Amino acid sequence: MDGTIRKDIHPGLPVVIVEKQDQGTGKSTCGIVKDILTSAPVHPRGIKVRLETGEVGRVQYIEV
């Protein structure tokens, strides 16, 4: 499942994000959602979240 729809994402969900500084390299980070930072219901590049570890990035996909 991709991370472009806000209603699919909630705190406690395991996700894979790409941080701003890693967008060019495509390096991804795995973690658990702490906060949802995007207020729009849909975002084409992924919903921006803060992980429990403090990293901020856009959700690429939701781990299942």
PDB file of N, CA and C in Angstrom:
ATOM      1  N   MET A   1       0.856  -1.174   0.000  1.00  0.00           N
ATOM      2  CA  MET A   1       0.000   0.000   0.000  1.00  0.00           C
ATOM      3  C   MET A   1       0.906   1.242   0.000  1.00  0.00           C
ATOM      4  N   ASP A   2       0.624   2.183  -0.874  1.00  0.00           N
ATOM      5  CA  ASP A   2       1.458   3.387  -0.920  1.00  0.00           C
ATOM      6  C   ASP A   2       1.025   4.376   0.161  1.00  0.00           C
ATOM      7  N   GLY A   3       1.814   5.414   0.341  1.00  0.00           N
ATOM      8  CA  GLY A   3       1.581   6.349   1.432  1.00  0.00           C
ATOM      9  C   GLY A   3       1.039   7.693   1.004  1.00  0.00           C
ATOM     10  N   THR A   4       0.184   7.720  -0.022  1.00  0.00           N
ATOM     11  CA  THR A   4      -0.320   8.998  -0.524  1.00  0.00           C
ATOM     12  C   THR A   4      -1.671   9.394   0.063  1.00  0.00           C
ATOM     13  N   ILE A   5      -2.343   8.508   0.783  1.00  0.00           N
ATOM     14  CA  ILE A   5      -3.673   8.789   1.329  1.00  0.00           C
ATOM     15  C   ILE A   5      -3.579   8.884   2.849  1.00  0.00           C
ATOM     16  N   ARG A   6      -3.925  10.052   3.386  1.00  0.00           N
ATOM     17  CA  ARG A   6      -3.751  10.336   4.812  1.00  0.00           C
ATOM     18  C   ARG A   6      -4.563   9.406   5.708  1.00  0.00           C
ATOM     19  N   LYS A   7      -5.776   9.054   5.305  1.00  0.00           N
ATOM     20  CA  LYS A   7      -6.638   8.225   6.166  1.00  0.00           C
ATOM     21  C   LYS A   7      -6.091   6.816   6.357  1.00  0.00           C
ATOM     22  N   ASP A   8      -5.152   6.379   5.496  1.00  0.00           N
ATOM     23  CA  ASP A   8      -4.548   5.054   5.619  1.00  0.00           C
ATOM     24  C   ASP A   8      -3.407   5.027   6.640  1.00  0.00           C
ATOM     25  N   ILE A   9      -2.991   6.208   7.116  1.00  0.00           N
ATOM     26  CA  ILE A   9      -1.817   6.309   7.988  1.00  0.00           C
ATOM     27  C   ILE A   9      -2.257   6.777   9.370  1.00  0.00           C
ATOM     28  N   HIS A  10      -1.706   6.143  10.410  1.00  0.00           N
ATOM     29  CA  HIS A  10      -2.047   6.522  11.783  1.00  0.00           C
ATOM     30  C   HIS A  10      -0.854   6.241  12.683  1.00  0.00           C
ATOM     31  N   PRO A  11      -0.782   6.910  13.840  1.00  0.00           N
ATOM     32  CA  PRO A  11       0.319   6.651  14.775  1.00  0.00           C
ATOM     33  C   PRO A  11       0.395   5.169  15.150  1.00  0.00           C
ATOM     34  N   GLY A  12       1.621   4.668  15.234  1.00  0.00           N
ATOM     35  CA  GLY A  12       1.837   3.269  15.558  1.00  0.00           C
ATOM     36  C   GLY A  12       2.000   2.371  14.347  1.00  0.00           C
ATOM     37  N   LEU A  13       1.786   2.918  13.153  1.00  0.00           N
ATOM     38  CA  LEU A  13       1.856   2.133  11.920  1.00  0.00           C
ATOM     39  C   LEU A  13       3.306   2.028  11.438  1.00  0.00           C
ATOM     40  N   PRO A  14       3.789   0.822  11.086  1.00  0.00           N
ATOM     41  CA  PRO A  14       5.136   0.698  10.519  1.00  0.00           C
ATOM     42  C   PRO A  14       5.142   1.140   9.052  1.00  0.00           C
ATOM     43  N   VAL A  15       6.067   2.039   8.709  1.00  0.00           N
ATOM     44  CA  VAL A  15       6.131   2.593   7.361  1.00  0.00           C
ATOM     45  C   VAL A  15       7.584   2.692   6.894  1.00  0.00           C
ATOM     46  N   VAL A  16       7.747   2.955   5.605  1.00  0.00           N
ATOM     47  CA  VAL A  16       9.046   3.269   5.016  1.00  0.00           C
ATOM     48  C   VAL A  16       8.949   4.682   4.482  1.00  0.00           C
ATOM     49  N   ILE A  17       9.896   5.552   4.897  1.00  0.00           N
ATOM     50  CA  ILE A  17       9.883   6.940   4.454  1.00  0.00           C
ATOM     51  C   ILE A  17      11.166   7.273   3.704  1.00  0.00           C
ATOM     52  N   VAL A  18      11.127   8.392   2.968  1.00  0.00           N
ATOM     53  CA  VAL A  18      12.326   8.980   2.397  1.00  0.00           C
ATOM     54  C   VAL A  18      12.442  10.380   2.982  1.00  0.00           C
ATOM     55  N   GLU A  19      13.567  10.652   3.633  1.00  0.00           N
ATOM     56  CA  GLU A  19      13.802  11.965   4.213  1.00  0.00           C
ATOM     57  C   GLU A  19      14.186  12.952   3.115  1.00  0.00           C
ATOM     58  N   LYS A  20      13.992  14.239   3.373  1.00  0.00           N
ATOM     59  CA  LYS A  20      14.244  15.294   2.387  1.00  0.00           C
ATOM     60  C   LYS A  20      15.658  15.188   1.802  1.00  0.00           C
ATOM     61  N   GLN A  21      16.662  15.039   2.669  1.00  0.00           N
ATOM     62  CA  GLN A  21      18.046  15.006   2.190  1.00  0.00           C
ATOM     63  C   GLN A  21      18.369  13.746   1.394  1.00  0.00           C
ATOM     64  N   ASP A  22      17.511  12.725   1.473  1.00  0.00           N
ATOM     65  CA  ASP A  22      17.744  11.469   0.765  1.00  0.00           C
ATOM     66  C   ASP A  22      16.913  11.327  -0.506  1.00  0.00           C
ATOM     67  N   GLN A  23      16.158  12.357  -0.882  1.00  0.00           N
ATOM     68  CA  GLN A  23      15.287  12.243  -2.053  1.00  0.00           C
ATOM     69  C   GLN A  23      16.075  11.959  -3.326  1.00  0.00           C
ATOM     70  N   GLY A  24      17.252  12.545  -3.470  1.00  0.00           N
ATOM     71  CA  GLY A  24      18.063  12.324  -4.672  1.00  0.00           C
ATOM     72  C   GLY A  24      18.640  10.930  -4.744  1.00  0.00           C
ATOM     73  N   THR A  25      18.979  10.357  -3.595  1.00  0.00           N
ATOM     74  CA  THR A  25      19.601   9.034  -3.566  1.00  0.00           C
ATOM     75  C   THR A  25      18.575   7.920  -3.498  1.00  0.00           C
ATOM     76  N   GLY A  26      17.374   8.233  -2.980  1.00  0.00           N
ATOM     77  CA  GLY A  26      16.344   7.214  -2.833  1.00  0.00           C
ATOM     78  C   GLY A  26      16.517   6.351  -1.597  1.00  0.00           C
ATOM     79  N   LYS A  27      17.461   6.724  -0.713  1.00  0.00           N
ATOM     80  CA  LYS A  27      17.678   5.977   0.525  1.00  0.00           C
ATOM     81  C   LYS A  27      16.412   6.051   1.381  1.00  0.00           C
ATOM     82  N   SER A  28      15.972   4.911   1.877  1.00  0.00           N
ATOM     83  CA  SER A  28      14.743   4.884   2.665  1.00  0.00           C
ATOM     84  C   SER A  28      15.040   4.544   4.122  1.00  0.00           C
ATOM     85  N   THR A  29      14.095   4.896   4.986  1.00  0.00           N
ATOM     86  CA  THR A  29      14.205   4.663   6.422  1.00  0.00           C
ATOM     87  C   THR A  29      12.929   3.984   6.899  1.00  0.00           C
ATOM     88  N   CYS A  30      13.071   2.938   7.674  1.00  0.00           N
ATOM     89  CA  CYS A  30      11.922   2.235   8.240  1.00  0.00           C
ATOM     90  C   CYS A  30      11.666   2.744   9.650  1.00  0.00           C
ATOM     91  N   GLY A  31      10.407   2.776  10.051  1.00  0.00           N
ATOM     92  CA  GLY A  31      10.089   3.177  11.403  1.00  0.00           C
ATOM     93  C   GLY A  31       8.604   3.147  11.691  1.00  0.00           C
ATOM     94  N   ILE A  32       8.266   3.605  12.895  1.00  0.00           N
ATOM     95  CA  ILE A  32       6.887   3.640  13.370  1.00  0.00           C
ATOM     96  C   ILE A  32       6.424   5.091  13.402  1.00  0.00           C
ATOM     97  N   VAL A  33       5.228   5.361  12.858  1.00  0.00           N
ATOM     98  CA  VAL A  33       4.685   6.718  12.804  1.00  0.00           C
ATOM     99  C   VAL A  33       4.388   7.225  14.217  1.00  0.00           C
ATOM    100  N   LYS A  34       4.890   8.430  14.518  1.00  0.00           N
ATOM    101  CA  LYS A  34       4.556   9.103  15.775  1.00  0.00           C
ATOM    102  C   LYS A  34       3.526  10.199  15.519  1.00  0.00           C
ATOM    103  N   ASP A  35       3.784  11.057  14.507  1.00  0.00           N
ATOM    104  CA  ASP A  35       2.884  12.166  14.166  1.00  0.00           C
ATOM    105  C   ASP A  35       2.696  12.231  12.663  1.00  0.00           C
ATOM    106  N   ILE A  36       1.497  12.655  12.236  1.00  0.00           N
ATOM    107  CA  ILE A  36       1.219  12.920  10.826  1.00  0.00           C
ATOM    108  C   ILE A  36       1.332  14.433  10.643  1.00  0.00           C
ATOM    109  N   LEU A  37       2.193  14.868   9.717  1.00  0.00           N
ATOM    110  CA  LEU A  37       2.457  16.292   9.540  1.00  0.00           C
ATOM    111  C   LEU A  37       1.703  16.910   8.363  1.00  0.00           C
ATOM    112  N   THR A  38       1.272  16.110   7.402  1.00  0.00           N
ATOM    113  CA  THR A  38       0.512  16.607   6.254  1.00  0.00           C
ATOM    114  C   THR A  38      -0.956  16.703   6.634  1.00  0.00           C
ATOM    115  N   SER A  39      -1.557  17.872   6.362  1.00  0.00           N
ATOM    116  CA  SER A  39      -2.975  18.045   6.694  1.00  0.00           C
ATOM    117  C   SER A  39      -3.900  17.694   5.523  1.00  0.00           C
ATOM    118  N   ALA A  40      -3.371  17.697   4.301  1.00  0.00           N
ATOM    119  CA  ALA A  40      -4.190  17.386   3.123  1.00  0.00           C
ATOM    120  C   ALA A  40      -4.602  15.909   3.139  1.00  0.00           C
ATOM    121  N   PRO A  41      -5.794  15.588   2.633  1.00  0.00           N
ATOM    122  CA  PRO A  41      -6.246  14.194   2.632  1.00  0.00           C
ATOM    123  C   PRO A  41      -5.434  13.297   1.690  1.00  0.00           C
ATOM    124  N   VAL A  42      -4.843  13.888   0.631  1.00  0.00           N
ATOM    125  CA  VAL A  42      -4.030  13.135  -0.338  1.00  0.00           C
ATOM    126  C   VAL A  42      -2.837  13.996  -0.716  1.00  0.00           C
ATOM    127  N   HIS A  43      -1.676  13.370  -0.853  1.00  0.00           N
ATOM    128  CA  HIS A  43      -0.492  14.079  -1.337  1.00  0.00           C
ATOM    129  C   HIS A  43       0.225  13.166  -2.321  1.00  0.00           C
ATOM    130  N   PRO A  44       0.470  13.628  -3.555  1.00  0.00           N
ATOM    131  CA  PRO A  44       1.020  12.748  -4.591  1.00  0.00           C
ATOM    132  C   PRO A  44       2.426  12.223  -4.305  1.00  0.00           C
ATOM    133  N   ARG A  45       3.228  12.946  -3.516  1.00  0.00           N
ATOM    134  CA  ARG A  45       4.590  12.486  -3.210  1.00  0.00           C
ATOM    135  C   ARG A  45       4.671  11.726  -1.898  1.00  0.00           C
ATOM    136  N   GLY A  46       3.544  11.564  -1.216  1.00  0.00           N
ATOM    137  CA  GLY A  46       3.518  10.826   0.049  1.00  0.00           C
ATOM    138  C   GLY A  46       3.193  11.741   1.211  1.00  0.00           C
ATOM    139  N   ILE A  47       2.504  11.206   2.192  1.00  0.00           N
ATOM    140  CA  ILE A  47       2.123  11.945   3.399  1.00  0.00           C
ATOM    141  C   ILE A  47       3.372  12.124   4.268  1.00  0.00           C
ATOM    142  N   LYS A  48       3.593  13.355   4.746  1.00  0.00           N
ATOM    143  CA  LYS A  48       4.761  13.624   5.587  1.00  0.00           C
ATOM    144  C   LYS A  48       4.451  13.234   7.025  1.00  0.00           C
ATOM    145  N   VAL A  49       5.379  12.463   7.619  1.00  0.00           N
ATOM    146  CA  VAL A  49       5.213  11.982   8.990  1.00  0.00           C
ATOM    147  C   VAL A  49       6.502  12.170   9.785  1.00  0.00           C
ATOM    148  N   ARG A  50       6.357  12.132  11.108  1.00  0.00           N
ATOM    149  CA  ARG A  50       7.499  12.066  12.012  1.00  0.00           C
ATOM    150  C   ARG A  50       7.485  10.678  12.629  1.00  0.00           C
ATOM    151  N   LEU A  51       8.634  10.004  12.594  1.00  0.00           N
ATOM    152  CA  LEU A  51       8.741   8.686  13.188  1.00  0.00           C
ATOM    153  C   LEU A  51       9.016   8.795  14.682  1.00  0.00           C
ATOM    154  N   GLU A  52       8.853   7.695  15.407  1.00  0.00           N
ATOM    155  CA  GLU A  52       9.116   7.677  16.845  1.00  0.00           C
ATOM    156  C   GLU A  52      10.573   8.014  17.143  1.00  0.00           C
ATOM    157  N   THR A  53      11.464   7.785  16.186  1.00  0.00           N
ATOM    158  CA  THR A  53      12.886   8.084  16.361  1.00  0.00           C
ATOM    159  C   THR A  53      13.231   9.531  16.034  1.00  0.00           C
ATOM    160  N   GLY A  54      12.248  10.298  15.532  1.00  0.00           N
ATOM    161  CA  GLY A  54      12.454  11.714  15.255  1.00  0.00           C
ATOM    162  C   GLY A  54      12.672  12.069  13.800  1.00  0.00           C
ATOM    163  N   GLU A  55      12.936  11.095  12.945  1.00  0.00           N
ATOM    164  CA  GLU A  55      13.118  11.393  11.527  1.00  0.00           C
ATOM    165  C   GLU A  55      11.799  11.862  10.914  1.00  0.00           C
ATOM    166  N   VAL A  56      11.919  12.794   9.950  1.00  0.00           N
ATOM    167  CA  VAL A  56      10.749  13.321   9.243  1.00  0.00           C
ATOM    168  C   VAL A  56      10.931  13.029   7.763  1.00  0.00           C
ATOM    169  N   GLY A  57       9.876  12.527   7.136  1.00  0.00           N
ATOM    170  CA  GLY A  57       9.939  12.245   5.702  1.00  0.00           C
ATOM    171  C   GLY A  57       8.581  11.882   5.164  1.00  0.00           C
ATOM    172  N   ARG A  58       8.558  11.624   3.863  1.00  0.00           N
ATOM    173  CA  ARG A  58       7.324  11.257   3.178  1.00  0.00           C
ATOM    174  C   ARG A  58       7.188   9.743   3.078  1.00  0.00           C
ATOM    175  N   VAL A  59       6.000   9.251   3.374  1.00  0.00           N
ATOM    176  CA  VAL A  59       5.756   7.806   3.358  1.00  0.00           C
ATOM    177  C   VAL A  59       5.803   7.305   1.927  1.00  0.00           C
ATOM    178  N   GLN A  60       6.662   6.320   1.693  1.00  0.00           N
ATOM    179  CA  GLN A  60       6.751   5.674   0.382  1.00  0.00           C
ATOM    180  C   GLN A  60       5.789   4.499   0.307  1.00  0.00           C
ATOM    181  N   TYR A  61       5.761   3.708   1.367  1.00  0.00           N
ATOM    182  CA  TYR A  61       4.772   2.641   1.458  1.00  0.00           C
ATOM    183  C   TYR A  61       4.602   2.207   2.904  1.00  0.00           C
ATOM    184  N   ILE A  62       3.511   1.532   3.135  1.00  0.00           N
ATOM    185  CA  ILE A  62       3.159   1.044   4.465  1.00  0.00           C
ATOM    186  C   ILE A  62       3.574  -0.421   4.534  1.00  0.00           C
ATOM    187  N   GLU A  63       4.318  -0.779   5.583  1.00  0.00           N
ATOM    188  CA  GLU A  63       4.746  -2.168   5.751  1.00  0.00           C
ATOM    189  C   GLU A  63       3.559  -2.988   6.257  1.00  0.00           C
ATOM    190  N   VAL A  64       3.448  -4.196   5.721  1.00  0.00           N
ATOM    191  CA  VAL A  64       2.369  -5.083   6.164  1.00  0.00           C
ATOM    192  C   VAL A  64       2.910  -6.375   6.721  1.00  0.00           C
TER     193      VAL A  64
END
